[in-house]
Amino acid sequence: MEEPKATWTAADYAVVDVEGNGQRPPDLVEISIVAIEGGVIGQPRSWLVRPPRPITPMARRFHRITDDQVADAPVVADIEAELHEALGDRVFVAHNASVDLGVLGRELQGFHPARVVDTLKLARRLLPDHNSYSLGALVDALGLARGLQADLAPHRATYDALVCARLLLHLAALPNREPLTLAELLDAAARKAATGHVPDEAAATLF
């Protein structure tokens, strides 16, 4: 158990992004997990996954992953142990986390993270003056894609997980304020801010 005043860097995090096949409910086609330890972003671990149902045209237009690209990829069961190891007991982090949690809750047996940070809710609470809180809008507004590899693209799991990790670091240590404690981070990420903006969770949904 962490000390009540422990800074947010006292915990380890698994920043996750998933891409689906557009079916209802969606099946997993790509996942990336980025660890944050001691406040430092690690190297992403990413997997393509062969879903049991075809990728819909709408999903293909969104993330540009085709059925041919995943034809020889492992099914979820083949990489389940790797995914559980990468997630561990770290704090689960995602943008509009209910989407990613919904997919992984269906795909991974026994996956029930005890602590979740939703960067969408966290951003709405800590950055009340933004017009949009979609991940793409925040990346553009805060310059979070600077220096990323040129071959990484939005709406692919590796890119989205990396910029989400950068967003978490930005929000946890905003200029002109003390870095958040772990308790403050978890509390702020659990609640939506009371602002006049219309929530744009749908803009962050990737299916």
C-alpha atoms as a PDB file:
ATOM      1  CA  MET A   1       0.000   0.000   0.000  1.00  0.00           C
ATOM      2  CA  GLU A   2       1.389   3.391  -0.989  1.00  0.00           C
ATOM      3  CA  GLU A   3       1.898   6.238   1.468  1.00  0.00           C
ATOM      4  CA  PRO A   4      -0.952   8.804   1.319  1.00  0.00           C
ATOM      5  CA  LYS A   5       1.460  11.552   0.254  1.00  0.00           C
ATOM      6  CA  ALA A   6       3.466   9.431  -2.163  1.00  0.00           C
ATOM      7  CA  THR A   7       3.985  11.162  -5.480  1.00  0.00           C
ATOM      8  CA  TRP A   8       2.411   9.713  -8.588  1.00  0.00           C
ATOM      9  CA  THR A   9       5.817   8.303  -9.577  1.00  0.00           C
ATOM     10  CA  ALA A  10       5.651   5.853  -6.659  1.00  0.00           C
ATOM     11  CA  ALA A  11       3.442   3.560  -8.741  1.00  0.00           C
ATOM     12  CA  ASP A  12       4.170   1.698 -11.963  1.00  0.00           C
ATOM     13  CA  TYR A  13       1.777   2.167 -14.882  1.00  0.00           C
ATOM     14  CA  ALA A  14       0.759   0.224 -17.971  1.00  0.00           C
ATOM     15  CA  VAL A  15      -0.473   2.627 -20.647  1.00  0.00           C
ATOM     16  CA  VAL A  16      -2.653   0.723 -23.084  1.00  0.00           C
ATOM     17  CA  ASP A  17      -4.214   1.294 -26.463  1.00  0.00           C
ATOM     18  CA  VAL A  18      -6.245  -1.257 -28.386  1.00  0.00           C
ATOM     19  CA  GLU A  19      -7.542  -1.293 -31.940  1.00  0.00           C
ATOM     20  CA  GLY A  20     -10.583  -3.364 -32.862  1.00  0.00           C
ATOM     21  CA  ASN A  21     -12.180  -4.938 -35.905  1.00  0.00           C
ATOM     22  CA  GLY A  22     -15.311  -2.772 -35.894  1.00  0.00           C
ATOM     23  CA  GLN A  23     -17.640  -5.636 -35.017  1.00  0.00           C
ATOM     24  CA  ARG A  24     -20.136  -5.364 -32.167  1.00  0.00           C
ATOM     25  CA  PRO A  25     -18.698  -6.017 -29.682  1.00  0.00           C
ATOM     26  CA  PRO A  26     -15.265  -5.436 -31.189  1.00  0.00           C
ATOM     27  CA  ASP A  27     -12.573  -8.089 -31.325  1.00  0.00           C
ATOM     28  CA  LEU A  28      -8.944  -7.183 -30.701  1.00  0.00           C
ATOM     29  CA  VAL A  29      -6.684  -6.656 -33.737  1.00  0.00           C
ATOM     30  CA  GLU A  30      -3.839  -4.639 -32.214  1.00  0.00           C
ATOM     31  CA  ILE A  31      -2.638  -3.751 -28.735  1.00  0.00           C
ATOM     32  CA  SER A  32       0.267  -1.722 -27.397  1.00  0.00           C
ATOM     33  CA  ILE A  33       1.385  -1.516 -23.776  1.00  0.00           C
ATOM     34  CA  VAL A  34       3.834   1.140 -22.588  1.00  0.00           C
ATOM     35  CA  ALA A  35       5.240   0.841 -19.077  1.00  0.00           C
ATOM     36  CA  ILE A  36       5.959   3.916 -16.955  1.00  0.00           C
ATOM     37  CA  GLU A  37       8.298   3.254 -14.025  1.00  0.00           C
ATOM     38  CA  GLY A  38       9.641   5.971 -11.753  1.00  0.00           C
ATOM     39  CA  GLY A  39       7.963   8.539 -13.981  1.00  0.00           C
ATOM     40  CA  VAL A  40       9.958   7.373 -17.025  1.00  0.00           C
ATOM     41  CA  ILE A  41       8.277   6.086 -20.194  1.00  0.00           C
ATOM     42  CA  GLY A  42       9.594   2.733 -21.372  1.00  0.00           C
ATOM     43  CA  GLN A  43       9.641   1.092 -24.781  1.00  0.00           C
ATOM     44  CA  PRO A  44       6.257   0.040 -26.163  1.00  0.00           C
ATOM     45  CA  ARG A  45       5.379  -3.619 -26.546  1.00  0.00           C
ATOM     46  CA  SER A  46       2.947  -4.138 -29.404  1.00  0.00           C
ATOM     47  CA  TRP A  47       1.104  -7.071 -30.913  1.00  0.00           C
ATOM     48  CA  LEU A  48      -1.062  -7.622 -33.971  1.00  0.00           C
ATOM     49  CA  VAL A  49      -3.859 -10.114 -33.267  1.00  0.00           C
ATOM     50  CA  ARG A  50      -5.895 -12.280 -35.631  1.00  0.00           C
ATOM     51  CA  PRO A  51      -9.562 -11.712 -34.729  1.00  0.00           C
ATOM     52  CA  PRO A  52     -12.248 -14.385 -35.143  1.00  0.00           C
ATOM     53  CA  ARG A  53     -14.306 -12.078 -37.375  1.00  0.00           C
ATOM     54  CA  PRO A  54     -13.312  -9.877 -40.343  1.00  0.00           C
ATOM     55  CA  ILE A  55     -12.230  -6.283 -39.950  1.00  0.00           C
ATOM     56  CA  THR A  56     -15.037  -4.013 -41.121  1.00  0.00           C
ATOM     57  CA  PRO A  57     -14.471  -1.383 -43.829  1.00  0.00           C
ATOM     58  CA  MET A  58     -15.083   1.416 -41.295  1.00  0.00           C
ATOM     59  CA  ALA A  59     -12.441   0.057 -38.927  1.00  0.00           C
ATOM     60  CA  ARG A  60      -9.987  -0.367 -41.819  1.00  0.00           C
ATOM     61  CA  ARG A  61     -10.455   3.270 -42.801  1.00  0.00           C
ATOM     62  CA  PHE A  62      -9.805   4.295 -39.211  1.00  0.00           C
ATOM     63  CA  HIS A  63      -6.659   2.350 -38.301  1.00  0.00           C
ATOM     64  CA  ARG A  64      -5.670   1.001 -41.770  1.00  0.00           C
ATOM     65  CA  ILE A  65      -5.156  -2.554 -40.525  1.00  0.00           C
ATOM     66  CA  THR A  66      -6.382  -5.118 -43.038  1.00  0.00           C
ATOM     67  CA  ASP A  67      -7.391  -8.752 -42.765  1.00  0.00           C
ATOM     68  CA  ASP A  68      -4.307  -9.665 -44.812  1.00  0.00           C
ATOM     69  CA  GLN A  69      -2.030  -7.960 -42.284  1.00  0.00           C
ATOM     70  CA  VAL A  70      -3.379 -10.044 -39.406  1.00  0.00           C
ATOM     71  CA  ALA A  71      -3.865 -13.299 -41.327  1.00  0.00           C
ATOM     72  CA  ASP A  72      -0.675 -14.792 -39.861  1.00  0.00           C
ATOM     73  CA  ALA A  73      -0.862 -12.990 -36.502  1.00  0.00           C
ATOM     74  CA  PRO A  74      -1.433 -14.964 -33.297  1.00  0.00           C
ATOM     75  CA  VAL A  75      -4.878 -15.251 -31.796  1.00  0.00           C
ATOM     76  CA  VAL A  76      -5.394 -13.762 -28.332  1.00  0.00           C
ATOM     77  CA  ALA A  77      -4.964 -17.105 -26.590  1.00  0.00           C
ATOM     78  CA  ASP A  78      -1.452 -17.428 -28.035  1.00  0.00           C
ATOM     79  CA  ILE A  79      -0.246 -14.176 -26.465  1.00  0.00           C
ATOM     80  CA  GLU A  80      -2.452 -14.050 -23.382  1.00  0.00           C
ATOM     81  CA  ALA A  81       0.402 -14.860 -21.003  1.00  0.00           C
ATOM     82  CA  GLU A  82       2.557 -12.125 -22.563  1.00  0.00           C
ATOM     83  CA  LEU A  83      -0.235  -9.567 -22.215  1.00  0.00           C
ATOM     84  CA  HIS A  84      -0.859 -10.463 -18.573  1.00  0.00           C
ATOM     85  CA  GLU A  85       2.872 -10.159 -17.885  1.00  0.00           C
ATOM     86  CA  ALA A  86       3.088  -6.741 -19.566  1.00  0.00           C
ATOM     87  CA  LEU A  87       0.035  -5.465 -17.706  1.00  0.00           C
ATOM     88  CA  GLY A  88       0.976  -7.032 -14.362  1.00  0.00           C
ATOM     89  CA  ASP A  89      -0.456  -5.292 -11.333  1.00  0.00           C
ATOM     90  CA  ARG A  90       0.459  -1.877 -12.689  1.00  0.00           C
ATOM     91  CA  VAL A  91      -2.012   1.001 -12.704  1.00  0.00           C
ATOM     92  CA  PHE A  92      -3.977   0.637 -15.936  1.00  0.00           C
ATOM     93  CA  VAL A  93      -3.950   3.814 -18.047  1.00  0.00           C
ATOM     94  CA  ALA A  94      -5.869   4.565 -21.235  1.00  0.00           C
ATOM     95  CA  HIS A  95      -7.667   7.436 -22.932  1.00  0.00           C
ATOM     96  CA  ASN A  96     -11.405   6.830 -22.656  1.00  0.00           C
ATOM     97  CA  ALA A  97     -10.422   3.760 -20.661  1.00  0.00           C
ATOM     98  CA  SER A  98     -13.848   2.104 -20.698  1.00  0.00           C
ATOM     99  CA  VAL A  99     -13.289   1.196 -24.374  1.00  0.00           C
ATOM    100  CA  ASP A 100      -9.956  -0.553 -23.776  1.00  0.00           C
ATOM    101  CA  LEU A 101     -11.168  -2.149 -20.551  1.00  0.00           C
ATOM    102  CA  GLY A 102     -14.243  -3.481 -22.328  1.00  0.00           C
ATOM    103  CA  VAL A 103     -12.191  -5.159 -25.043  1.00  0.00           C
ATOM    104  CA  LEU A 104      -9.580  -6.635 -22.703  1.00  0.00           C
ATOM    105  CA  GLY A 105     -12.188  -7.719 -20.180  1.00  0.00           C
ATOM    106  CA  ARG A 106     -13.733  -9.877 -22.896  1.00  0.00           C
ATOM    107  CA  GLU A 107     -10.465 -11.094 -24.387  1.00  0.00           C
ATOM    108  CA  LEU A 108      -8.279 -11.815 -21.329  1.00  0.00           C
ATOM    109  CA  GLN A 109      -9.346 -14.252 -18.650  1.00  0.00           C
ATOM    110  CA  GLY A 110      -9.103 -12.849 -15.148  1.00  0.00           C
ATOM    111  CA  PHE A 111      -8.294  -9.314 -16.251  1.00  0.00           C
ATOM    112  CA  HIS A 112      -9.706  -6.947 -13.625  1.00  0.00           C
ATOM    113  CA  PRO A 113      -7.281  -4.072 -12.903  1.00  0.00           C
ATOM    114  CA  ALA A 114      -7.612  -2.736  -9.383  1.00  0.00           C
ATOM    115  CA  ARG A 115      -6.551   0.803 -10.278  1.00  0.00           C
ATOM    116  CA  VAL A 116      -7.422   2.691 -13.454  1.00  0.00           C
ATOM    117  CA  VAL A 117      -6.415   6.128 -14.708  1.00  0.00           C
ATOM    118  CA  ASP A 118      -8.552   7.489 -17.539  1.00  0.00           C
ATOM    119  CA  THR A 119      -6.578  10.307 -19.145  1.00  0.00           C
ATOM    120  CA  LEU A 120      -9.745  11.599 -20.792  1.00  0.00           C
ATOM    121  CA  LYS A 121     -11.341  12.260 -17.402  1.00  0.00           C
ATOM    122  CA  LEU A 122      -8.026  13.471 -15.988  1.00  0.00           C
ATOM    123  CA  ALA A 123      -7.558  15.990 -18.816  1.00  0.00           C
ATOM    124  CA  ARG A 124     -11.116  17.275 -18.505  1.00  0.00           C
ATOM    125  CA  ARG A 125     -10.515  17.891 -14.816  1.00  0.00           C
ATOM    126  CA  LEU A 126      -7.045  19.436 -14.988  1.00  0.00           C
ATOM    127  CA  LEU A 127      -7.301  21.295 -18.330  1.00  0.00           C
ATOM    128  CA  PRO A 128     -10.776  22.852 -18.114  1.00  0.00           C
ATOM    129  CA  ASP A 129     -10.387  25.337 -20.956  1.00  0.00           C
ATOM    130  CA  HIS A 130      -9.853  22.991 -23.898  1.00  0.00           C
ATOM    131  CA  ASN A 131     -12.520  22.737 -26.562  1.00  0.00           C
ATOM    132  CA  SER A 132     -11.899  19.051 -27.233  1.00  0.00           C
ATOM    133  CA  TYR A 133     -10.495  16.254 -25.109  1.00  0.00           C
ATOM    134  CA  SER A 134     -10.088  13.641 -27.799  1.00  0.00           C
ATOM    135  CA  LEU A 135      -6.591  12.208 -27.757  1.00  0.00           C
ATOM    136  CA  GLY A 136      -5.764  13.692 -31.150  1.00  0.00           C
ATOM    137  CA  ALA A 137      -6.854  17.176 -30.116  1.00  0.00           C
ATOM    138  CA  LEU A 138      -4.796  17.045 -26.907  1.00  0.00           C
ATOM    139  CA  VAL A 139      -1.753  15.722 -28.766  1.00  0.00           C
ATOM    140  CA  ASP A 140      -1.947  18.657 -31.174  1.00  0.00           C
ATOM    141  CA  ALA A 141      -2.608  21.254 -28.464  1.00  0.00           C
ATOM    142  CA  LEU A 142       0.194  20.070 -26.179  1.00  0.00           C
ATOM    143  CA  GLY A 143       2.745  19.024 -28.804  1.00  0.00           C
ATOM    144  CA  LEU A 144       2.871  15.463 -27.495  1.00  0.00           C
ATOM    145  CA  ALA A 145       3.945  13.866 -30.792  1.00  0.00           C
ATOM    146  CA  ARG A 146       7.231  15.762 -31.075  1.00  0.00           C
ATOM    147  CA  GLY A 147      10.171  13.480 -31.666  1.00  0.00           C
ATOM    148  CA  LEU A 148       8.181  10.312 -32.259  1.00  0.00           C
ATOM    149  CA  GLN A 149       9.364   7.946 -34.974  1.00  0.00           C
ATOM    150  CA  ALA A 150       8.174   9.070 -38.395  1.00  0.00           C
ATOM    151  CA  ASP A 151       6.654   5.662 -39.135  1.00  0.00           C
ATOM    152  CA  LEU A 152       4.244   5.867 -36.194  1.00  0.00           C
ATOM    153  CA  ALA A 153       0.756   7.075 -37.066  1.00  0.00           C
ATOM    154  CA  PRO A 154      -2.340   8.157 -35.133  1.00  0.00           C
ATOM    155  CA  HIS A 155      -4.997   5.492 -34.577  1.00  0.00           C
ATOM    156  CA  ARG A 156      -2.381   2.770 -34.449  1.00  0.00           C
ATOM    157  CA  ALA A 157      -1.859   1.250 -31.039  1.00  0.00           C
ATOM    158  CA  THR A 158       1.842   2.068 -30.600  1.00  0.00           C
ATOM    159  CA  TYR A 159       1.437   5.746 -31.466  1.00  0.00           C
ATOM    160  CA  ASP A 160      -1.675   6.192 -29.360  1.00  0.00           C
ATOM    161  CA  ALA A 161      -0.206   4.425 -26.320  1.00  0.00           C
ATOM    162  CA  LEU A 162       2.986   6.505 -26.485  1.00  0.00           C
ATOM    163  CA  VAL A 163       1.199   9.847 -26.753  1.00  0.00           C
ATOM    164  CA  CYS A 164      -1.200   8.774 -23.998  1.00  0.00           C
ATOM    165  CA  ALA A 165       1.823   8.042 -21.794  1.00  0.00           C
ATOM    166  CA  ARG A 166       3.196  11.502 -22.573  1.00  0.00           C
ATOM    167  CA  LEU A 167      -0.195  13.000 -21.774  1.00  0.00           C
ATOM    168  CA  LEU A 168      -0.182  11.305 -18.371  1.00  0.00           C
ATOM    169  CA  LEU A 169       3.260  12.738 -17.570  1.00  0.00           C
ATOM    170  CA  HIS A 170       2.124  16.189 -18.671  1.00  0.00           C
ATOM    171  CA  LEU A 171      -1.018  16.095 -16.541  1.00  0.00           C
ATOM    172  CA  ALA A 172       0.684  14.643 -13.477  1.00  0.00           C
ATOM    173  CA  ALA A 173       3.233  17.474 -13.334  1.00  0.00           C
ATOM    174  CA  LEU A 174       1.570  20.560 -14.797  1.00  0.00           C
ATOM    175  CA  PRO A 175       3.585  23.796 -14.842  1.00  0.00           C
ATOM    176  CA  ASN A 176       3.120  26.145 -11.884  1.00  0.00           C
ATOM    177  CA  ARG A 177       1.816  23.457  -9.541  1.00  0.00           C
ATOM    178  CA  GLU A 178       3.196  20.667  -7.425  1.00  0.00           C
ATOM    179  CA  PRO A 179       3.265  17.220  -9.039  1.00  0.00           C
ATOM    180  CA  LEU A 180       0.218  15.172  -8.158  1.00  0.00           C
ATOM    181  CA  THR A 181       0.365  12.667  -5.380  1.00  0.00           C
ATOM    182  CA  LEU A 182      -0.666   9.167  -6.334  1.00  0.00           C
ATOM    183  CA  ALA A 183      -3.899   9.586  -4.383  1.00  0.00           C
ATOM    184  CA  GLU A 184      -4.670  12.859  -6.177  1.00  0.00           C
ATOM    185  CA  LEU A 185      -3.954  11.301  -9.566  1.00  0.00           C
ATOM    186  CA  LEU A 186      -6.248   8.342  -8.974  1.00  0.00           C
ATOM    187  CA  ASP A 187      -8.978  10.560  -7.553  1.00  0.00           C
ATOM    188  CA  ALA A 188      -8.833  13.134 -10.357  1.00  0.00           C
ATOM    189  CA  ALA A 189      -8.818  10.406 -13.005  1.00  0.00           C
ATOM    190  CA  ALA A 190     -11.892   8.769 -11.515  1.00  0.00           C
ATOM    191  CA  ARG A 191     -14.172  11.785 -11.808  1.00  0.00           C
ATOM    192  CA  LYS A 192     -15.292  14.007 -14.654  1.00  0.00           C
ATOM    193  CA  ALA A 193     -14.760  17.706 -14.270  1.00  0.00           C
ATOM    194  CA  ALA A 194     -17.752  19.969 -13.821  1.00  0.00           C
ATOM    195  CA  THR A 195     -17.208  22.173 -16.878  1.00  0.00           C
ATOM    196  CA  GLY A 196     -19.512  23.697 -19.421  1.00  0.00           C
ATOM    197  CA  HIS A 197     -18.074  21.605 -22.234  1.00  0.00           C
ATOM    198  CA  VAL A 198     -20.038  18.813 -23.795  1.00  0.00           C
ATOM    199  CA  PRO A 199     -18.161  15.550 -23.145  1.00  0.00           C
ATOM    200  CA  ASP A 200     -16.501  14.221 -26.264  1.00  0.00           C
ATOM    201  CA  GLU A 201     -15.815  10.651 -25.169  1.00  0.00           C
ATOM    202  CA  ALA A 202     -17.190   9.438 -28.500  1.00  0.00           C
ATOM    203  CA  ALA A 203     -14.383  11.267 -30.281  1.00  0.00           C
ATOM    204  CA  ALA A 204     -11.869   9.062 -28.481  1.00  0.00           C
ATOM    205  CA  THR A 205     -13.594   5.784 -29.357  1.00  0.00           C
ATOM    206  CA  LEU A 206     -11.558   3.893 -31.911  1.00  0.00           C
ATOM    207  CA  PHE A 207     -14.072   1.511 -33.407  1.00  0.00           C
END
